[in-house]
Protein backbone atom coordinates (compact mmCIF):
# COMPACT_ATOMS: atom_id res chain seq x y z
CA UNK A 1 -19.01 25.34 19.52
CA UNK A 2 -17.86 27.58 16.71
CA UNK A 3 -15.25 29.26 18.94
CA UNK A 4 -13.75 25.93 20.07
CA UNK A 5 -13.76 24.65 16.51
CA UNK A 6 -11.79 27.68 15.30
CA UNK A 7 -9.35 27.19 18.22
CA UNK A 8 -8.86 23.56 17.27
CA UNK A 9 -8.39 24.52 13.64
CA UNK A 10 -5.74 27.06 14.54
CA UNK A 11 -4.01 24.59 16.83
CA UNK A 12 -4.13 21.93 14.10
CA UNK A 13 -2.66 24.28 11.50
CA UNK A 14 0.16 25.21 13.90
CA UNK A 15 0.73 21.56 14.85
CA UNK A 16 0.80 20.41 11.21
CA UNK A 17 4.18 22.03 10.67
CA UNK A 18 5.55 20.58 13.94
CA UNK A 19 4.09 17.20 13.02
CA UNK A 20 5.87 17.09 9.63
CA UNK A 21 9.09 18.17 11.37
CA UNK A 22 8.70 15.46 13.97
CA UNK A 23 7.88 12.90 11.26
CA UNK A 24 11.01 13.78 9.32
CA UNK A 25 13.14 13.51 12.51
CA UNK A 26 11.35 10.28 13.51
CA UNK A 27 11.86 8.65 10.09
CA UNK A 28 15.50 9.77 10.11
CA UNK A 29 16.08 8.33 13.60
CA UNK A 30 14.35 5.09 12.54
CA UNK A 31 16.56 4.92 9.46
CA UNK A 32 19.64 5.26 11.66
CA UNK A 33 18.53 3.01 14.52
CA UNK A 34 16.61 0.25 12.68
CA UNK A 35 19.42 -1.39 10.61
CA UNK A 36 21.47 -2.49 13.67
CA UNK A 37 18.81 -4.65 15.46
CA UNK A 38 17.37 -5.64 12.06
CA UNK A 39 20.74 -7.04 10.93
CA UNK A 40 21.13 -8.81 14.28
CA UNK A 41 17.72 -10.37 13.93
CA UNK A 42 18.44 -11.49 10.36
CA UNK A 43 21.82 -12.92 11.38
């Protein structure tokens, strides 16, 4: 149990940086892609 927990913790710490990177990219892509359909829906 302790070994798997430490493995998960290491994996989580490594993934945290990737997650933030993905979140920034995702929010940026949403910011670029959202306005077009949003304007179409409002119009």
